[in-house]
Amino acid sequence: MKRQVRLGVFETNSSMTHSLTMCTDSEYQKWVNGEVYWVTWDDSFKSVTEADKEFDKDNFESDYYDSYEEMRRSEGYYTYDEFCNDEEFYTYHNTYTTPSGEIVHAFGYYGHD
């Protein structure tokens, strides 16, 4: 059996979905306070103002989505509350304080896709 190792890749041999995002305390607090969305497809944060302009929230019209929020979530942009109350996956959150006193947040989701 040949074993292949790829740097920077976490891989399992299962049908489970896994997500791990790590960020600073200031980024996490902006998310909790509703200043940014968490973008699931690249594990980044985007300002609410920037994303709402990108998706043209003020002129939202759709034959497919019932609301702007539904469309935004389908694109992978989540508020803190939406992430924590997602019924499709299990979520988790842990913090770690570095020796220099910085707080690092690790959060994500897991479950069947």
C-alpha atoms as a PDB file:
ATOM      1  CA  MET A   1       0.000   0.000   0.000  1.00  0.00           C
ATOM      2  CA  LYS A   2       1.374   3.378  -0.980  1.00  0.00           C
ATOM      3  CA  ARG A   3       1.150   6.207   1.576  1.00  0.00           C
ATOM      4  CA  GLN A   4       1.070   9.784   0.330  1.00  0.00           C
ATOM      5  CA  VAL A   5       1.651  12.729   2.680  1.00  0.00           C
ATOM      6  CA  ARG A   6       0.573  16.214   1.635  1.00  0.00           C
ATOM      7  CA  LEU A   7       1.774  19.171   3.673  1.00  0.00           C
ATOM      8  CA  GLY A   8      -0.886  21.422   5.186  1.00  0.00           C
ATOM      9  CA  VAL A   9      -3.767  19.019   4.561  1.00  0.00           C
ATOM     10  CA  PHE A  10      -6.030  17.349   7.108  1.00  0.00           C
ATOM     11  CA  GLU A  11      -7.828  14.411   5.584  1.00  0.00           C
ATOM     12  CA  THR A  12      -9.998  11.603   6.899  1.00  0.00           C
ATOM     13  CA  ASN A  13     -11.359   8.566   5.167  1.00  0.00           C
ATOM     14  CA  SER A  14     -14.974   9.139   6.126  1.00  0.00           C
ATOM     15  CA  SER A  15     -18.166  10.754   4.933  1.00  0.00           C
ATOM     16  CA  MET A  16     -18.085  13.236   7.812  1.00  0.00           C
ATOM     17  CA  THR A  17     -17.706  16.972   7.319  1.00  0.00           C
ATOM     18  CA  HIS A  18     -15.151  18.720   9.530  1.00  0.00           C
ATOM     19  CA  SER A  19     -14.278  22.378   9.929  1.00  0.00           C
ATOM     20  CA  LEU A  20     -11.655  24.087  12.076  1.00  0.00           C
ATOM     21  CA  THR A  21     -11.129  27.839  12.190  1.00  0.00           C
ATOM     22  CA  MET A  22      -8.670  29.613  14.465  1.00  0.00           C
ATOM     23  CA  CYS A  23      -8.671  33.362  15.042  1.00  0.00           C
ATOM     24  CA  THR A  24      -7.622  36.094  17.405  1.00  0.00           C
ATOM     25  CA  ASP A  25      -9.827  37.249  20.256  1.00  0.00           C
ATOM     26  CA  SER A  26     -10.465  40.604  18.546  1.00  0.00           C
ATOM     27  CA  GLU A  27     -11.695  38.889  15.353  1.00  0.00           C
ATOM     28  CA  TYR A  28     -13.909  36.552  17.361  1.00  0.00           C
ATOM     29  CA  GLN A  29     -15.407  39.423  19.383  1.00  0.00           C
ATOM     30  CA  LYS A  30     -16.248  41.333  16.180  1.00  0.00           C
ATOM     31  CA  TRP A  31     -18.120  38.236  14.994  1.00  0.00           C
ATOM     32  CA  VAL A  32     -19.986  37.861  18.313  1.00  0.00           C
ATOM     33  CA  ASN A  33     -20.886  41.579  18.194  1.00  0.00           C
ATOM     34  CA  GLY A  34     -22.285  41.295  14.648  1.00  0.00           C
ATOM     35  CA  GLU A  35     -19.620  43.400  12.916  1.00  0.00           C
ATOM     36  CA  VAL A  36     -18.413  40.618  10.594  1.00  0.00           C
ATOM     37  CA  TYR A  37     -19.706  37.462   8.927  1.00  0.00           C
ATOM     38  CA  TRP A  38     -17.756  34.205   9.070  1.00  0.00           C
ATOM     39  CA  VAL A  39     -17.267  32.934   5.515  1.00  0.00           C
ATOM     40  CA  THR A  40     -17.319  29.130   5.630  1.00  0.00           C
ATOM     41  CA  TRP A  41     -15.797  28.414   2.227  1.00  0.00           C
ATOM     42  CA  ASP A  42     -12.459  30.019   3.092  1.00  0.00           C
ATOM     43  CA  ASP A  43     -12.614  30.244   6.920  1.00  0.00           C
ATOM     44  CA  SER A  44     -12.293  34.023   6.903  1.00  0.00           C
ATOM     45  CA  PHE A  45     -14.208  37.005   8.235  1.00  0.00           C
ATOM     46  CA  LYS A  46     -15.792  39.701   6.074  1.00  0.00           C
ATOM     47  CA  SER A  47     -17.294  42.942   7.322  1.00  0.00           C
ATOM     48  CA  VAL A  48     -21.087  43.043   7.312  1.00  0.00           C
ATOM     49  CA  THR A  49     -21.030  46.316   5.381  1.00  0.00           C
ATOM     50  CA  GLU A  50     -18.722  44.936   2.685  1.00  0.00           C
ATOM     51  CA  ALA A  51     -20.699  41.697   2.285  1.00  0.00           C
ATOM     52  CA  ASP A  52     -24.076  43.453   2.208  1.00  0.00           C
ATOM     53  CA  LYS A  53     -22.784  45.720  -0.570  1.00  0.00           C
ATOM     54  CA  GLU A  54     -21.358  42.718  -2.437  1.00  0.00           C
ATOM     55  CA  PHE A  55     -24.713  40.922  -2.301  1.00  0.00           C
ATOM     56  CA  ASP A  56     -26.667  44.175  -2.887  1.00  0.00           C
ATOM     57  CA  LYS A  57     -28.803  43.773   0.233  1.00  0.00           C
ATOM     58  CA  ASP A  58     -30.719  47.023  -0.352  1.00  0.00           C
ATOM     59  CA  ASN A  59     -31.973  45.814  -3.748  1.00  0.00           C
ATOM     60  CA  PHE A  60     -32.425  42.132  -2.944  1.00  0.00           C
ATOM     61  CA  GLU A  61     -34.840  40.295  -5.214  1.00  0.00           C
ATOM     62  CA  SER A  62     -34.980  36.581  -5.838  1.00  0.00           C
ATOM     63  CA  ASP A  63     -37.279  33.977  -7.269  1.00  0.00           C
ATOM     64  CA  TYR A  64     -35.277  31.283  -5.492  1.00  0.00           C
ATOM     65  CA  TYR A  65     -34.653  32.570  -1.944  1.00  0.00           C
ATOM     66  CA  ASP A  66     -37.308  33.697   0.519  1.00  0.00           C
ATOM     67  CA  SER A  67     -35.026  36.264   2.152  1.00  0.00           C
ATOM     68  CA  TYR A  68     -31.701  38.032   1.881  1.00  0.00           C
ATOM     69  CA  GLU A  69     -30.483  36.141   4.964  1.00  0.00           C
ATOM     70  CA  GLU A  70     -31.292  32.767   3.379  1.00  0.00           C
ATOM     71  CA  MET A  71     -29.372  33.722   0.237  1.00  0.00           C
ATOM     72  CA  ARG A  72     -26.387  35.000   2.255  1.00  0.00           C
ATOM     73  CA  ARG A  73     -26.202  31.775   4.291  1.00  0.00           C
ATOM     74  CA  SER A  74     -26.402  29.713   1.095  1.00  0.00           C
ATOM     75  CA  GLU A  75     -23.257  31.576  -0.020  1.00  0.00           C
ATOM     76  CA  GLY A  76     -21.546  30.549   3.252  1.00  0.00           C
ATOM     77  CA  TYR A  77     -21.733  33.886   5.135  1.00  0.00           C
ATOM     78  CA  TYR A  78     -22.843  33.302   8.725  1.00  0.00           C
ATOM     79  CA  THR A  79     -23.502  35.503  11.726  1.00  0.00           C
ATOM     80  CA  TYR A  80     -22.390  34.177  15.098  1.00  0.00           C
ATOM     81  CA  ASP A  81     -25.972  33.305  16.089  1.00  0.00           C
ATOM     82  CA  GLU A  82     -26.658  31.549  12.792  1.00  0.00           C
ATOM     83  CA  PHE A  83     -23.518  29.454  13.204  1.00  0.00           C
ATOM     84  CA  CYS A  84     -24.292  28.510  16.817  1.00  0.00           C
ATOM     85  CA  ASN A  85     -27.902  27.590  16.011  1.00  0.00           C
ATOM     86  CA  ASP A  86     -27.236  25.584  12.846  1.00  0.00           C
ATOM     87  CA  GLU A  87     -29.408  22.462  13.012  1.00  0.00           C
ATOM     88  CA  GLU A  88     -27.515  20.682  10.238  1.00  0.00           C
ATOM     89  CA  PHE A  89     -24.149  20.266  12.018  1.00  0.00           C
ATOM     90  CA  TYR A  90     -22.715  20.070  15.516  1.00  0.00           C
ATOM     91  CA  THR A  91     -20.640  23.105  16.481  1.00  0.00           C
ATOM     92  CA  TYR A  92     -17.819  23.597  18.977  1.00  0.00           C
ATOM     93  CA  HIS A  93     -15.717  26.404  20.410  1.00  0.00           C
ATOM     94  CA  ASN A  94     -12.581  26.395  22.558  1.00  0.00           C
ATOM     95  CA  THR A  95     -10.122  29.057  23.626  1.00  0.00           C
ATOM     96  CA  TYR A  96      -6.433  28.942  24.366  1.00  0.00           C
ATOM     97  CA  THR A  97      -4.268  31.572  26.005  1.00  0.00           C
ATOM     98  CA  THR A  98      -0.710  31.666  24.677  1.00  0.00           C
ATOM     99  CA  PRO A  99       2.254  32.115  27.047  1.00  0.00           C
ATOM    100  CA  SER A 100       2.388  35.775  25.971  1.00  0.00           C
ATOM    101  CA  GLY A 101      -1.263  36.269  26.977  1.00  0.00           C
ATOM    102  CA  GLU A 102      -2.955  36.268  23.566  1.00  0.00           C
ATOM    103  CA  ILE A 103      -6.326  34.544  23.399  1.00  0.00           C
ATOM    104  CA  VAL A 104      -6.852  32.241  20.418  1.00  0.00           C
ATOM    105  CA  HIS A 105     -10.307  30.913  19.532  1.00  0.00           C
ATOM    106  CA  ALA A 106     -10.791  27.594  17.778  1.00  0.00           C
ATOM    107  CA  PHE A 107     -14.255  26.827  16.468  1.00  0.00           C
ATOM    108  CA  GLY A 108     -15.943  24.826  13.783  1.00  0.00           C
ATOM    109  CA  TYR A 109     -18.541  22.258  12.947  1.00  0.00           C
ATOM    110  CA  TYR A 110     -18.775  18.567  12.175  1.00  0.00           C
ATOM    111  CA  GLY A 111     -21.353  16.034  11.068  1.00  0.00           C
ATOM    112  CA  HIS A 112     -22.617  14.271   7.977  1.00  0.00           C
ATOM    113  CA  ASP A 113     -22.954  16.298   4.810  1.00  0.00           C
END
